[in-house]
Amino acid sequence: MISAALLAVASGACRPDASTARGTAELFLDAHYVLIDLPGALPYTSGVARHKVEQEIELVRGIEVDETTRKPIVRYALLEEHADDDGHGTKFLYQGRIAVDGADTFERRWLVTVRAEPDGYRVTNYQEFAE
């Protein structure tokens, strides 16, 4: 009983914090790339990023992703963090490793731009680069 409670507290402590720029970037990455939940990524976006995610949703409309779908295993780590000159935004560079059953592992880099908006931090743009 005690170990289950400690595990619940410890796992909650590992969740990114949406009240920070980095936490918002990582919640977005988790939804978009790790969980492959594009509608789940939308609340963390605005502007260009929101438009990109909406376009991706349209591209996969009608394609079901469920428990039988072979999903990649995605892990990522922060490489760099740079504040914008205006002090309202931050750019985060992440390195991701993607493993797919029966295929080689490959890497990508994601540049995620996060800005402070009236409703909190939002991802305003993101780009993916091959290694």
C-alpha atoms as a PDB file:
ATOM      1  CA  MET A   1       0.000   0.000   0.000  1.00  0.00           C
ATOM      2  CA  ILE A   2       2.738   2.461   0.960  1.00  0.00           C
ATOM      3  CA  SER A   3       4.868   1.572  -2.070  1.00  0.00           C
ATOM      4  CA  ALA A   4       1.895   2.158  -4.398  1.00  0.00           C
ATOM      5  CA  ALA A   5       1.359   5.605  -2.868  1.00  0.00           C
ATOM      6  CA  LEU A   6       5.050   6.455  -3.227  1.00  0.00           C
ATOM      7  CA  LEU A   7       5.013   5.301  -6.842  1.00  0.00           C
ATOM      8  CA  ALA A   8       1.983   7.506  -7.563  1.00  0.00           C
ATOM      9  CA  VAL A   9       3.710  10.534  -6.004  1.00  0.00           C
ATOM     10  CA  ALA A  10       6.993   9.820  -7.808  1.00  0.00           C
ATOM     11  CA  SER A  11       5.353   9.371 -11.199  1.00  0.00           C
ATOM     12  CA  GLY A  12       3.383  12.588 -10.742  1.00  0.00           C
ATOM     13  CA  ALA A  13       6.593  14.438  -9.992  1.00  0.00           C
ATOM     14  CA  CYS A  14       8.006  13.384 -13.384  1.00  0.00           C
ATOM     15  CA  ARG A  15       5.161  14.925 -15.390  1.00  0.00           C
ATOM     16  CA  PRO A  16       6.062  18.176 -17.156  1.00  0.00           C
ATOM     17  CA  ASP A  17       4.557  21.348 -15.671  1.00  0.00           C
ATOM     18  CA  ALA A  18       2.277  23.236 -18.100  1.00  0.00           C
ATOM     19  CA  SER A  19       2.867  26.446 -16.131  1.00  0.00           C
ATOM     20  CA  THR A  20       6.448  26.591 -17.481  1.00  0.00           C
ATOM     21  CA  ALA A  21       7.727  27.079 -21.013  1.00  0.00           C
ATOM     22  CA  ARG A  22       9.742  23.843 -20.908  1.00  0.00           C
ATOM     23  CA  GLY A  23       6.863  21.893 -19.391  1.00  0.00           C
ATOM     24  CA  THR A  24       4.555  23.075 -22.174  1.00  0.00           C
ATOM     25  CA  ALA A  25       7.111  22.067 -24.831  1.00  0.00           C
ATOM     26  CA  GLU A  26       7.435  18.609 -23.294  1.00  0.00           C
ATOM     27  CA  LEU A  27       3.689  18.082 -22.873  1.00  0.00           C
ATOM     28  CA  PHE A  28       3.369  18.946 -26.559  1.00  0.00           C
ATOM     29  CA  LEU A  29       6.155  16.508 -27.525  1.00  0.00           C
ATOM     30  CA  ASP A  30       4.594  13.791 -25.367  1.00  0.00           C
ATOM     31  CA  ALA A  31       1.183  14.181 -27.010  1.00  0.00           C
ATOM     32  CA  HIS A  32       2.400  14.683 -30.571  1.00  0.00           C
ATOM     33  CA  TYR A  33       5.329  12.268 -30.861  1.00  0.00           C
ATOM     34  CA  VAL A  34       5.258   9.858 -27.900  1.00  0.00           C
ATOM     35  CA  LEU A  35       1.518   9.160 -27.622  1.00  0.00           C
ATOM     36  CA  ILE A  36       0.683  10.020 -31.254  1.00  0.00           C
ATOM     37  CA  ASP A  37      -2.336  11.967 -29.991  1.00  0.00           C
ATOM     38  CA  LEU A  38      -2.635  14.965 -32.302  1.00  0.00           C
ATOM     39  CA  PRO A  39      -5.922  16.233 -30.787  1.00  0.00           C
ATOM     40  CA  GLY A  40      -4.208  15.955 -27.389  1.00  0.00           C
ATOM     41  CA  ALA A  41      -1.378  18.182 -28.645  1.00  0.00           C
ATOM     42  CA  LEU A  42      -3.733  20.996 -29.750  1.00  0.00           C
ATOM     43  CA  PRO A  43      -4.317  22.563 -26.300  1.00  0.00           C
ATOM     44  CA  TYR A  44      -0.579  23.289 -26.017  1.00  0.00           C
ATOM     45  CA  THR A  45      -0.446  25.168 -29.340  1.00  0.00           C
ATOM     46  CA  SER A  46      -1.334  28.464 -30.964  1.00  0.00           C
ATOM     47  CA  GLY A  47      -0.514  30.252 -34.184  1.00  0.00           C
ATOM     48  CA  VAL A  48       1.606  28.389 -36.715  1.00  0.00           C
ATOM     49  CA  ALA A  49       1.973  25.308 -34.494  1.00  0.00           C
ATOM     50  CA  ARG A  50      -1.787  24.993 -34.126  1.00  0.00           C
ATOM     51  CA  HIS A  51      -2.217  25.288 -37.885  1.00  0.00           C
ATOM     52  CA  LYS A  52       0.404  22.561 -38.475  1.00  0.00           C
ATOM     53  CA  VAL A  53      -1.245  20.162 -36.018  1.00  0.00           C
ATOM     54  CA  GLU A  54      -4.688  20.828 -37.526  1.00  0.00           C
ATOM     55  CA  GLN A  55      -3.270  20.032 -40.984  1.00  0.00           C
ATOM     56  CA  GLU A  56      -1.733  16.797 -39.649  1.00  0.00           C
ATOM     57  CA  ILE A  57      -5.090  15.832 -38.142  1.00  0.00           C
ATOM     58  CA  GLU A  58      -6.726  16.317 -41.550  1.00  0.00           C
ATOM     59  CA  LEU A  59      -4.036  14.203 -43.228  1.00  0.00           C
ATOM     60  CA  VAL A  60      -4.728  11.217 -40.963  1.00  0.00           C
ATOM     61  CA  ARG A  61      -8.509  11.631 -40.713  1.00  0.00           C
ATOM     62  CA  GLY A  62     -10.116   8.192 -41.014  1.00  0.00           C
ATOM     63  CA  ILE A  63      -6.971   6.300 -40.014  1.00  0.00           C
ATOM     64  CA  GLU A  64      -7.548   4.507 -36.722  1.00  0.00           C
ATOM     65  CA  VAL A  65      -4.742   4.254 -34.179  1.00  0.00           C
ATOM     66  CA  ASP A  66      -5.676   1.787 -31.468  1.00  0.00           C
ATOM     67  CA  GLU A  67      -4.096  -0.915 -29.289  1.00  0.00           C
ATOM     68  CA  THR A  68      -3.441  -3.114 -32.341  1.00  0.00           C
ATOM     69  CA  THR A  69      -1.439  -0.404 -34.122  1.00  0.00           C
ATOM     70  CA  ARG A  70       2.325  -0.881 -33.981  1.00  0.00           C
ATOM     71  CA  LYS A  71       3.488   2.363 -32.443  1.00  0.00           C
ATOM     72  CA  PRO A  72       7.095   3.500 -32.262  1.00  0.00           C
ATOM     73  CA  ILE A  73       8.832   3.980 -28.944  1.00  0.00           C
ATOM     74  CA  VAL A  74       9.923   7.599 -28.735  1.00  0.00           C
ATOM     75  CA  ARG A  75      12.355   9.043 -26.195  1.00  0.00           C
ATOM     76  CA  TYR A  76      13.778  12.549 -26.199  1.00  0.00           C
ATOM     77  CA  ALA A  77      16.219  14.734 -24.298  1.00  0.00           C
ATOM     78  CA  LEU A  78      16.714  18.485 -24.118  1.00  0.00           C
ATOM     79  CA  LEU A  79      19.867  19.631 -25.905  1.00  0.00           C
ATOM     80  CA  GLU A  80      19.586  23.429 -25.787  1.00  0.00           C
ATOM     81  CA  GLU A  81      17.373  26.204 -24.449  1.00  0.00           C
ATOM     82  CA  HIS A  82      17.491  29.799 -25.710  1.00  0.00           C
ATOM     83  CA  ALA A  83      15.333  32.718 -24.592  1.00  0.00           C
ATOM     84  CA  ASP A  84      14.050  35.029 -27.341  1.00  0.00           C
ATOM     85  CA  ASP A  85      15.373  38.578 -27.324  1.00  0.00           C
ATOM     86  CA  ASP A  86      11.963  39.985 -26.356  1.00  0.00           C
ATOM     87  CA  GLY A  87      11.834  37.850 -23.205  1.00  0.00           C
ATOM     88  CA  HIS A  88       8.416  36.379 -24.027  1.00  0.00           C
ATOM     89  CA  GLY A  89       9.481  33.194 -25.754  1.00  0.00           C
ATOM     90  CA  THR A  90      11.942  30.362 -25.549  1.00  0.00           C
ATOM     91  CA  LYS A  91      13.313  27.954 -28.125  1.00  0.00           C
ATOM     92  CA  PHE A  92      14.029  24.380 -27.053  1.00  0.00           C
ATOM     93  CA  LEU A  93      16.075  21.936 -29.091  1.00  0.00           C
ATOM     94  CA  TYR A  94      15.419  18.260 -28.345  1.00  0.00           C
ATOM     95  CA  GLN A  95      17.023  15.115 -29.654  1.00  0.00           C
ATOM     96  CA  GLY A  96      14.592  12.251 -30.154  1.00  0.00           C
ATOM     97  CA  ARG A  97      15.263   8.570 -30.652  1.00  0.00           C
ATOM     98  CA  ILE A  98      12.544   6.577 -32.416  1.00  0.00           C
ATOM     99  CA  ALA A  99      12.434   2.778 -32.327  1.00  0.00           C
ATOM    100  CA  VAL A 100      10.002   0.858 -34.514  1.00  0.00           C
ATOM    101  CA  ASP A 101       9.441  -2.909 -34.272  1.00  0.00           C
ATOM    102  CA  GLY A 102      11.400  -4.738 -36.947  1.00  0.00           C
ATOM    103  CA  ALA A 103      13.244  -1.640 -38.138  1.00  0.00           C
ATOM    104  CA  ASP A 104      16.341   0.283 -37.220  1.00  0.00           C
ATOM    105  CA  THR A 105      16.248   3.005 -34.610  1.00  0.00           C
ATOM    106  CA  PHE A 106      16.591   6.508 -36.000  1.00  0.00           C
ATOM    107  CA  GLU A 107      16.986   9.990 -34.556  1.00  0.00           C
ATOM    108  CA  ARG A 108      15.330  13.338 -35.093  1.00  0.00           C
ATOM    109  CA  ARG A 109      15.772  16.790 -33.630  1.00  0.00           C
ATOM    110  CA  TRP A 110      12.824  18.982 -32.766  1.00  0.00           C
ATOM    111  CA  LEU A 111      13.045  22.741 -32.400  1.00  0.00           C
ATOM    112  CA  VAL A 112      10.063  23.862 -30.333  1.00  0.00           C
ATOM    113  CA  THR A 113       9.241  27.554 -29.862  1.00  0.00           C
ATOM    114  CA  VAL A 114       7.143  28.414 -26.803  1.00  0.00           C
ATOM    115  CA  ARG A 115       5.721  31.846 -25.986  1.00  0.00           C
ATOM    116  CA  ALA A 116       3.937  33.290 -22.971  1.00  0.00           C
ATOM    117  CA  GLU A 117       0.345  34.129 -23.910  1.00  0.00           C
ATOM    118  CA  PRO A 118      -2.559  35.459 -21.819  1.00  0.00           C
ATOM    119  CA  ASP A 119      -3.824  31.903 -21.166  1.00  0.00           C
ATOM    120  CA  GLY A 120      -0.361  30.521 -20.352  1.00  0.00           C
ATOM    121  CA  TYR A 121       2.508  29.111 -22.366  1.00  0.00           C
ATOM    122  CA  ARG A 122       1.809  27.790 -25.867  1.00  0.00           C
ATOM    123  CA  VAL A 123       3.921  26.140 -28.541  1.00  0.00           C
ATOM    124  CA  THR A 124       3.828  28.620 -31.418  1.00  0.00           C
ATOM    125  CA  ASN A 125       6.004  26.700 -33.862  1.00  0.00           C
ATOM    126  CA  TYR A 126       7.948  23.461 -34.179  1.00  0.00           C
ATOM    127  CA  GLN A 127      10.277  21.992 -36.748  1.00  0.00           C
ATOM    128  CA  GLU A 128      11.657  18.483 -37.230  1.00  0.00           C
ATOM    129  CA  PHE A 129      15.156  17.799 -38.536  1.00  0.00           C
ATOM    130  CA  ALA A 130      16.699  14.494 -39.575  1.00  0.00           C
ATOM    131  CA  GLU A 131      20.052  13.704 -37.982  1.00  0.00           C
END
